[in-house]
Amino acid sequence: MEAQTQNQVIHIFVKRGQQEVKLDFTTALATGLEIKTRAGGSAMDGLYISKGGKDVEVTDAEVVELHNGEHFVLIPNGRVS
């Protein structure tokens, strides 16, 4: 049996204010900082993902396993309280 090459693109969505940005990744792993900057944010912005009905912060150095269709929220210069 031949090994299959994985060329699948993973699409995630990052909400910035009223706008939602679609990002395409060719790898299943990305840091919080990479997601923020590719969505047009900066290191000063907060990045969150909803897990189990709660918003969980994703830190800059944290490596996230990306799943197709996943949604993140980018908060300019801030944190969700």
PDB file of N, CA and C in Angstrom:
ATOM      1  N   MET A   1       0.845  -1.184   0.000  1.00  0.00           N
ATOM      2  CA  MET A   1       0.000   0.000   0.000  1.00  0.00           C
ATOM      3  C   MET A   1       0.889   1.245   0.000  1.00  0.00           C
ATOM      4  N   GLU A   2       0.586   2.202  -0.853  1.00  0.00           N
ATOM      5  CA  GLU A   2       1.377   3.424  -0.941  1.00  0.00           C
ATOM      6  C   GLU A   2       0.967   4.434   0.119  1.00  0.00           C
ATOM      7  N   ALA A   3       1.961   5.156   0.615  1.00  0.00           N
ATOM      8  CA  ALA A   3       1.666   6.242   1.550  1.00  0.00           C
ATOM      9  C   ALA A   3       1.086   7.405   0.752  1.00  0.00           C
ATOM     10  N   GLN A   4       0.054   8.038   1.300  1.00  0.00           N
ATOM     11  CA  GLN A   4      -0.569   9.155   0.608  1.00  0.00           C
ATOM     12  C   GLN A   4       0.080  10.468   1.037  1.00  0.00           C
ATOM     13  N   THR A   5       0.298  11.337   0.063  1.00  0.00           N
ATOM     14  CA  THR A   5       0.820  12.665   0.348  1.00  0.00           C
ATOM     15  C   THR A   5      -0.339  13.541   0.760  1.00  0.00           C
ATOM     16  N   GLN A   6      -0.157  14.280   1.838  1.00  0.00           N
ATOM     17  CA  GLN A   6      -1.239  15.114   2.337  1.00  0.00           C
ATOM     18  C   GLN A   6      -1.047  16.552   1.872  1.00  0.00           C
ATOM     19  N   ASN A   7      -1.848  16.973   0.906  1.00  0.00           N
ATOM     20  CA  ASN A   7      -1.793  18.328   0.385  1.00  0.00           C
ATOM     21  C   ASN A   7      -3.073  19.081   0.706  1.00  0.00           C
ATOM     22  N   GLN A   8      -3.755  18.667   1.740  1.00  0.00           N
ATOM     23  CA  GLN A   8      -5.028  19.264   2.099  1.00  0.00           C
ATOM     24  C   GLN A   8      -4.833  20.652   2.701  1.00  0.00           C
ATOM     25  N   VAL A   9      -5.698  21.570   2.323  1.00  0.00           N
ATOM     26  CA  VAL A   9      -5.678  22.916   2.873  1.00  0.00           C
ATOM     27  C   VAL A   9      -6.709  22.979   3.991  1.00  0.00           C
ATOM     28  N   ILE A  10      -6.310  23.547   5.119  1.00  0.00           N
ATOM     29  CA  ILE A  10      -7.212  23.719   6.258  1.00  0.00           C
ATOM     30  C   ILE A  10      -7.669  25.169   6.270  1.00  0.00           C
ATOM     31  N   HIS A  11      -8.981  25.358   6.291  1.00  0.00           N
ATOM     32  CA  HIS A  11      -9.573  26.695   6.305  1.00  0.00           C
ATOM     33  C   HIS A  11     -10.049  27.011   7.721  1.00  0.00           C
ATOM     34  N   ILE A  12      -9.582  28.122   8.275  1.00  0.00           N
ATOM     35  CA  ILE A  12     -10.083  28.585   9.572  1.00  0.00           C
ATOM     36  C   ILE A  12     -10.610  30.006   9.392  1.00  0.00           C
ATOM     37  N   PHE A  13     -11.358  30.470  10.365  1.00  0.00           N
ATOM     38  CA  PHE A  13     -11.955  31.796  10.305  1.00  0.00           C
ATOM     39  C   PHE A  13     -11.592  32.569  11.565  1.00  0.00           C
ATOM     40  N   VAL A  14     -11.204  33.826  11.388  1.00  0.00           N
ATOM     41  CA  VAL A  14     -10.845  34.683  12.516  1.00  0.00           C
ATOM     42  C   VAL A  14     -11.720  35.924  12.450  1.00  0.00           C
ATOM     43  N   LYS A  15     -12.516  36.141  13.484  1.00  0.00           N
ATOM     44  CA  LYS A  15     -13.394  37.311  13.542  1.00  0.00           C
ATOM     45  C   LYS A  15     -12.625  38.480  14.144  1.00  0.00           C
ATOM     46  N   ARG A  16     -12.636  39.610  13.411  1.00  0.00           N
ATOM     47  CA  ARG A  16     -12.010  40.863  13.857  1.00  0.00           C
ATOM     48  C   ARG A  16     -13.084  41.930  13.808  1.00  0.00           C
ATOM     49  N   GLY A  17     -13.645  42.292  14.943  1.00  0.00           N
ATOM     50  CA  GLY A  17     -14.727  43.271  14.956  1.00  0.00           C
ATOM     51  C   GLY A  17     -15.922  42.721  14.212  1.00  0.00           C
ATOM     52  N   GLN A  18     -16.382  43.459  13.194  1.00  0.00           N
ATOM     53  CA  GLN A  18     -17.527  43.013  12.397  1.00  0.00           C
ATOM     54  C   GLN A  18     -17.109  42.153  11.196  1.00  0.00           C
ATOM     55  N   GLN A  19     -15.813  42.030  10.989  1.00  0.00           N
ATOM     56  CA  GLN A  19     -15.277  41.326   9.826  1.00  0.00           C
ATOM     57  C   GLN A  19     -14.780  39.941  10.224  1.00  0.00           C
ATOM     58  N   GLU A  20     -14.973  38.971   9.329  1.00  0.00           N
ATOM     59  CA  GLU A  20     -14.421  37.637   9.546  1.00  0.00           C
ATOM     60  C   GLU A  20     -13.466  37.332   8.403  1.00  0.00           C
ATOM     61  N   VAL A  21     -12.244  36.935   8.757  1.00  0.00           N
ATOM     62  CA  VAL A  21     -11.198  36.663   7.779  1.00  0.00           C
ATOM     63  C   VAL A  21     -11.039  35.154   7.637  1.00  0.00           C
ATOM     64  N   LYS A  22     -11.004  34.688   6.398  1.00  0.00           N
ATOM     65  CA  LYS A  22     -10.767  33.270   6.128  1.00  0.00           C
ATOM     66  C   LYS A  22      -9.284  33.084   5.870  1.00  0.00           C
ATOM     67  N   LEU A  23      -8.667  32.160   6.598  1.00  0.00           N
ATOM     68  CA  LEU A  23      -7.249  31.867   6.425  1.00  0.00           C
ATOM     69  C   LEU A  23      -7.078  30.431   5.955  1.00  0.00           C
ATOM     70  N   ASP A  24      -6.138  30.218   5.058  1.00  0.00           N
ATOM     71  CA  ASP A  24      -5.828  28.884   4.554  1.00  0.00           C
ATOM     72  C   ASP A  24      -4.455  28.464   5.061  1.00  0.00           C
ATOM     73  N   PHE A  25      -4.388  27.279   5.636  1.00  0.00           N
ATOM     74  CA  PHE A  25      -3.134  26.714   6.133  1.00  0.00           C
ATOM     75  C   PHE A  25      -2.872  25.390   5.440  1.00  0.00           C
ATOM     76  N   THR A  26      -1.620  25.130   5.109  1.00  0.00           N
ATOM     77  CA  THR A  26      -1.242  23.855   4.504  1.00  0.00           C
ATOM     78  C   THR A  26      -0.654  22.913   5.540  1.00  0.00           C
ATOM     79  N   THR A  27      -0.664  23.329   6.783  1.00  0.00           N
ATOM     80  CA  THR A  27      -0.207  22.495   7.888  1.00  0.00           C
ATOM     81  C   THR A  27      -1.273  22.535   8.978  1.00  0.00           C
ATOM     82  N   ALA A  28      -1.344  21.498   9.775  1.00  0.00           N
ATOM     83  CA  ALA A  28      -2.374  21.415  10.811  1.00  0.00           C
ATOM     84  C   ALA A  28      -1.954  22.087  12.114  1.00  0.00           C
ATOM     85  N   LEU A  29      -0.740  22.626  12.166  1.00  0.00           N
ATOM     86  CA  LEU A  29      -0.255  23.262  13.385  1.00  0.00           C
ATOM     87  C   LEU A  29       0.148  24.707  13.096  1.00  0.00           C
ATOM     88  N   ALA A  30      -0.223  25.600  14.020  1.00  0.00           N
ATOM     89  CA  ALA A  30       0.165  27.012  13.901  1.00  0.00           C
ATOM     90  C   ALA A  30       0.238  27.596  15.306  1.00  0.00           C
ATOM     91  N   THR A  31       1.089  28.595  15.487  1.00  0.00           N
ATOM     92  CA  THR A  31       1.160  29.281  16.783  1.00  0.00           C
ATOM     93  C   THR A  31       0.068  30.351  16.841  1.00  0.00           C
ATOM     94  N   GLY A  32      -0.261  30.758  18.049  1.00  0.00           N
ATOM     95  CA  GLY A  32      -1.224  31.838  18.227  1.00  0.00           C
ATOM     96  C   GLY A  32      -0.767  33.098  17.514  1.00  0.00           C
ATOM     97  N   LEU A  33       0.523  33.401  17.598  1.00  0.00           N
ATOM     98  CA  LEU A  33       1.061  34.600  16.944  1.00  0.00           C
ATOM     99  C   LEU A  33       0.920  34.507  15.427  1.00  0.00           C
ATOM    100  N   GLU A  34       1.169  33.344  14.857  1.00  0.00           N
ATOM    101  CA  GLU A  34       1.033  33.179  13.414  1.00  0.00           C
ATOM    102  C   GLU A  34      -0.420  33.409  12.973  1.00  0.00           C
ATOM    103  N   ILE A  35      -1.362  32.878  13.723  1.00  0.00           N
ATOM    104  CA  ILE A  35      -2.778  33.071  13.391  1.00  0.00           C
ATOM    105  C   ILE A  35      -3.133  34.553  13.479  1.00  0.00           C
ATOM    106  N   LYS A  36      -2.694  35.214  14.558  1.00  0.00           N
ATOM    107  CA  LYS A  36      -2.999  36.639  14.738  1.00  0.00           C
ATOM    108  C   LYS A  36      -2.434  37.484  13.595  1.00  0.00           C
ATOM    109  N   THR A  37      -1.173  37.286  13.259  1.00  0.00           N
ATOM    110  CA  THR A  37      -0.556  38.132  12.240  1.00  0.00           C
ATOM    111  C   THR A  37      -1.125  37.847  10.854  1.00  0.00           C
ATOM    112  N   ARG A  38      -1.424  36.591  10.567  1.00  0.00           N
ATOM    113  CA  ARG A  38      -2.020  36.275   9.257  1.00  0.00           C
ATOM    114  C   ARG A  38      -3.429  36.839   9.135  1.00  0.00           C
ATOM    115  N   ALA A  39      -4.098  37.063  10.274  1.00  0.00           N
ATOM    116  CA  ALA A  39      -5.446  37.652  10.261  1.00  0.00           C
ATOM    117  C   ALA A  39      -5.393  39.172  10.284  1.00  0.00           C
ATOM    118  N   GLY A  40      -4.185  39.757  10.290  1.00  0.00           N
ATOM    119  CA  GLY A  40      -4.039  41.205  10.271  1.00  0.00           C
ATOM    120  C   GLY A  40      -3.916  41.825  11.642  1.00  0.00           C
ATOM    121  N   GLY A  41      -3.716  41.004  12.664  1.00  0.00           N
ATOM    122  CA  GLY A  41      -3.556  41.502  14.023  1.00  0.00           C
ATOM    123  C   GLY A  41      -2.100  41.681  14.389  1.00  0.00           C
ATOM    124  N   SER A  42      -1.879  42.035  15.651  1.00  0.00           N
ATOM    125  CA  SER A  42      -0.513  42.214  16.145  1.00  0.00           C
ATOM    126  C   SER A  42      -0.317  41.379  17.413  1.00  0.00           C
ATOM    127  N   ALA A  43       0.908  41.351  17.897  1.00  0.00           N
ATOM    128  CA  ALA A  43       1.216  40.598  19.112  1.00  0.00           C
ATOM    129  C   ALA A  43       0.485  41.157  20.330  1.00  0.00           C
ATOM    130  N   MET A  44       0.061  42.413  20.252  1.00  0.00           N
ATOM    131  CA  MET A  44      -0.651  43.038  21.384  1.00  0.00           C
ATOM    132  C   MET A  44      -2.121  42.618  21.448  1.00  0.00           C
ATOM    133  N   ASP A  45      -2.638  42.020  20.384  1.00  0.00           N
ATOM    134  CA  ASP A  45      -4.040  41.622  20.339  1.00  0.00           C
ATOM    135  C   ASP A  45      -4.258  40.293  21.057  1.00  0.00           C
ATOM    136  N   GLY A  46      -5.471  40.091  21.516  1.00  0.00           N
ATOM    137  CA  GLY A  46      -5.835  38.826  22.152  1.00  0.00           C
ATOM    138  C   GLY A  46      -6.469  37.901  21.133  1.00  0.00           C
ATOM    139  N   LEU A  47      -6.149  36.605  21.218  1.00  0.00           N
ATOM    140  CA  LEU A  47      -6.725  35.605  20.317  1.00  0.00           C
ATOM    141  C   LEU A  47      -7.438  34.570  21.168  1.00  0.00           C
ATOM    142  N   TYR A  48      -8.665  34.231  20.781  1.00  0.00           N
ATOM    143  CA  TYR A  48      -9.494  33.313  21.561  1.00  0.00           C
ATOM    144  C   TYR A  48     -10.150  32.294  20.651  1.00  0.00           C
ATOM    145  N   ILE A  49     -10.404  31.120  21.225  1.00  0.00           N
ATOM    146  CA  ILE A  49     -11.149  30.070  20.555  1.00  0.00           C
ATOM    147  C   ILE A  49     -12.234  29.618  21.522  1.00  0.00           C
ATOM    148  N   SER A  50     -13.390  29.289  20.998  1.00  0.00           N
ATOM    149  CA  SER A  50     -14.487  28.830  21.844  1.00  0.00           C
ATOM    150  C   SER A  50     -14.390  27.321  22.025  1.00  0.00           C
ATOM    151  N   LYS A  51     -14.293  26.896  23.278  1.00  0.00           N
ATOM    152  CA  LYS A  51     -14.215  25.464  23.595  1.00  0.00           C
ATOM    153  C   LYS A  51     -15.216  25.163  24.694  1.00  0.00           C
ATOM    154  N   GLY A  52     -16.157  24.323  24.400  1.00  0.00           N
ATOM    155  CA  GLY A  52     -17.157  23.946  25.398  1.00  0.00           C
ATOM    156  C   GLY A  52     -17.988  25.129  25.872  1.00  0.00           C
ATOM    157  N   GLY A  53     -18.231  26.090  24.990  1.00  0.00           N
ATOM    158  CA  GLY A  53     -19.032  27.253  25.349  1.00  0.00           C
ATOM    159  C   GLY A  53     -18.268  28.347  26.062  1.00  0.00           C
ATOM    160  N   LYS A  54     -16.964  28.162  26.269  1.00  0.00           N
ATOM    161  CA  LYS A  54     -16.132  29.178  26.921  1.00  0.00           C
ATOM    162  C   LYS A  54     -15.094  29.694  25.946  1.00  0.00           C
ATOM    163  N   ASP A  55     -14.780  31.001  26.055  1.00  0.00           N
ATOM    164  CA  ASP A  55     -13.702  31.576  25.257  1.00  0.00           C
ATOM    165  C   ASP A  55     -12.387  31.311  25.968  1.00  0.00           C
ATOM    166  N   VAL A  56     -11.490  30.630  25.291  1.00  0.00           N
ATOM    167  CA  VAL A  56     -10.192  30.263  25.854  1.00  0.00           C
ATOM    168  C   VAL A  56      -9.111  31.023  25.096  1.00  0.00           C
ATOM    169  N   GLU A  57      -8.241  31.718  25.839  1.00  0.00           N
ATOM    170  CA  GLU A  57      -7.173  32.488  25.201  1.00  0.00           C
ATOM    171  C   GLU A  57      -6.128  31.561  24.589  1.00  0.00           C
ATOM    172  N   VAL A  58      -5.654  31.941  23.418  1.00  0.00           N
ATOM    173  CA  VAL A  58      -4.556  31.252  22.748  1.00  0.00           C
ATOM    174  C   VAL A  58      -3.362  32.195  22.830  1.00  0.00           C
ATOM    175  N   THR A  59      -2.311  31.781  23.525  1.00  0.00           N
ATOM    176  CA  THR A  59      -1.135  32.640  23.678  1.00  0.00           C
ATOM    177  C   THR A  59      -0.293  32.630  22.407  1.00  0.00           C
ATOM    178  N   ASP A  60       0.596  33.603  22.294  1.00  0.00           N
ATOM    179  CA  ASP A  60       1.433  33.738  21.094  1.00  0.00           C
ATOM    180  C   ASP A  60       2.268  32.490  20.822  1.00  0.00           C
ATOM    181  N   ALA A  61       2.856  31.908  21.853  1.00  0.00           N
ATOM    182  CA  ALA A  61       3.756  30.773  21.677  1.00  0.00           C
ATOM    183  C   ALA A  61       3.025  29.432  21.633  1.00  0.00           C
ATOM    184  N   GLU A  62       1.744  29.436  21.960  1.00  0.00           N
ATOM    185  CA  GLU A  62       0.976  28.191  21.994  1.00  0.00           C
ATOM    186  C   GLU A  62       0.787  27.635  20.584  1.00  0.00           C
ATOM    187  N   VAL A  63       1.058  26.342  20.437  1.00  0.00           N
ATOM    188  CA  VAL A  63       0.857  25.675  19.154  1.00  0.00           C
ATOM    189  C   VAL A  63      -0.543  25.066  19.168  1.00  0.00           C
ATOM    190  N   VAL A  64      -1.327  25.449  18.165  1.00  0.00           N
ATOM    191  CA  VAL A  64      -2.718  25.014  18.070  1.00  0.00           C
ATOM    192  C   VAL A  64      -2.854  24.011  16.939  1.00  0.00           C
ATOM    193  N   GLU A  65      -3.581  22.922  17.198  1.00  0.00           N
ATOM    194  CA  GLU A  65      -3.910  21.990  16.132  1.00  0.00           C
ATOM    195  C   GLU A  65      -5.155  22.528  15.439  1.00  0.00           C
ATOM    196  N   LEU A  66      -5.020  22.848  14.170  1.00  0.00           N
ATOM    197  CA  LEU A  66      -6.105  23.465  13.418  1.00  0.00           C
ATOM    198  C   LEU A  66      -7.037  22.418  12.821  1.00  0.00           C
ATOM    199  N   HIS A  67      -8.319  22.751  12.825  1.00  0.00           N
ATOM    200  CA  HIS A  67      -9.343  21.886  12.244  1.00  0.00           C
ATOM    201  C   HIS A  67     -10.139  22.695  11.227  1.00  0.00           C
ATOM    202  N   ASN A  68     -10.443  22.074  10.118  1.00  0.00           N
ATOM    203  CA  ASN A  68     -11.162  22.750   9.045  1.00  0.00           C
ATOM    204  C   ASN A  68     -12.463  23.351   9.563  1.00  0.00           C
ATOM    205  N   GLY A  69     -12.676  24.640   9.259  1.00  0.00           N
ATOM    206  CA  GLY A  69     -13.905  25.326   9.662  1.00  0.00           C
ATOM    207  C   GLY A  69     -13.884  25.913  11.056  1.00  0.00           C
ATOM    208  N   GLU A  70     -12.779  25.800  11.759  1.00  0.00           N
ATOM    209  CA  GLU A  70     -12.671  26.299  13.133  1.00  0.00           C
ATOM    210  C   GLU A  70     -12.723  27.828  13.162  1.00  0.00           C
ATOM    211  N   HIS A  71     -13.302  28.376  14.243  1.00  0.00           N
ATOM    212  CA  HIS A  71     -13.470  29.825  14.379  1.00  0.00           C
ATOM    213  C   HIS A  71     -12.687  30.361  15.578  1.00  0.00           C
ATOM    214  N   PHE A  72     -11.994  31.474  15.345  1.00  0.00           N
ATOM    215  CA  PHE A  72     -11.250  32.187  16.373  1.00  0.00           C
ATOM    216  C   PHE A  72     -11.775  33.615  16.435  1.00  0.00           C
ATOM    217  N   VAL A  73     -11.469  34.307  17.549  1.00  0.00           N
ATOM    218  CA  VAL A  73     -11.836  35.703  17.696  1.00  0.00           C
ATOM    219  C   VAL A  73     -10.575  36.480  18.053  1.00  0.00           C
ATOM    220  N   LEU A  74     -10.349  37.589  17.355  1.00  0.00           N
ATOM    221  CA  LEU A  74      -9.199  38.456  17.591  1.00  0.00           C
ATOM    222  C   LEU A  74      -9.720  39.736  18.244  1.00  0.00           C
ATOM    223  N   ILE A  75      -9.217  40.050  19.436  1.00  0.00           N
ATOM    224  CA  ILE A  75      -9.628  41.243  20.179  1.00  0.00           C
ATOM    225  C   ILE A  75      -8.468  42.230  20.137  1.00  0.00           C
ATOM    226  N   PRO A  76      -8.632  43.359  19.430  1.00  0.00           N
ATOM    227  CA  PRO A  76      -7.560  44.346  19.343  1.00  0.00           C
ATOM    228  C   PRO A  76      -7.146  44.856  20.731  1.00  0.00           C
ATOM    229  N   ASN A  77      -5.847  44.751  21.010  1.00  0.00           N
ATOM    230  CA  ASN A  77      -5.261  45.236  22.260  1.00  0.00           C
ATOM    231  C   ASN A  77      -6.041  44.836  23.499  1.00  0.00           C
ATOM    232  N   GLY A  78      -6.573  43.642  23.505  1.00  0.00           N
ATOM    233  CA  GLY A  78      -7.375  43.327  24.680  1.00  0.00           C
ATOM    234  C   GLY A  78      -7.582  41.870  24.963  1.00  0.00           C
ATOM    235  N   ARG A  79      -8.326  41.704  26.037  1.00  0.00           N
ATOM    236  CA  ARG A  79      -8.673  40.373  26.516  1.00  0.00           C
ATOM    237  C   ARG A  79     -10.158  40.326  26.792  1.00  0.00           C
ATOM    238  N   VAL A  80     -10.711  39.138  26.672  1.00  0.00           N
ATOM    239  CA  VAL A  80     -12.111  38.923  27.031  1.00  0.00           C
ATOM    240  C   VAL A  80     -12.167  38.778  28.530  1.00  0.00           C
ATOM    241  N   SER A  81     -13.092  39.513  29.191  1.00  0.00           N
ATOM    242  CA  SER A  81     -13.174  39.367  30.647  1.00  0.00           C
ATOM    243  C   SER A  81     -14.369  38.562  31.050  1.00  0.00           C
TER     244      SER A  81
END
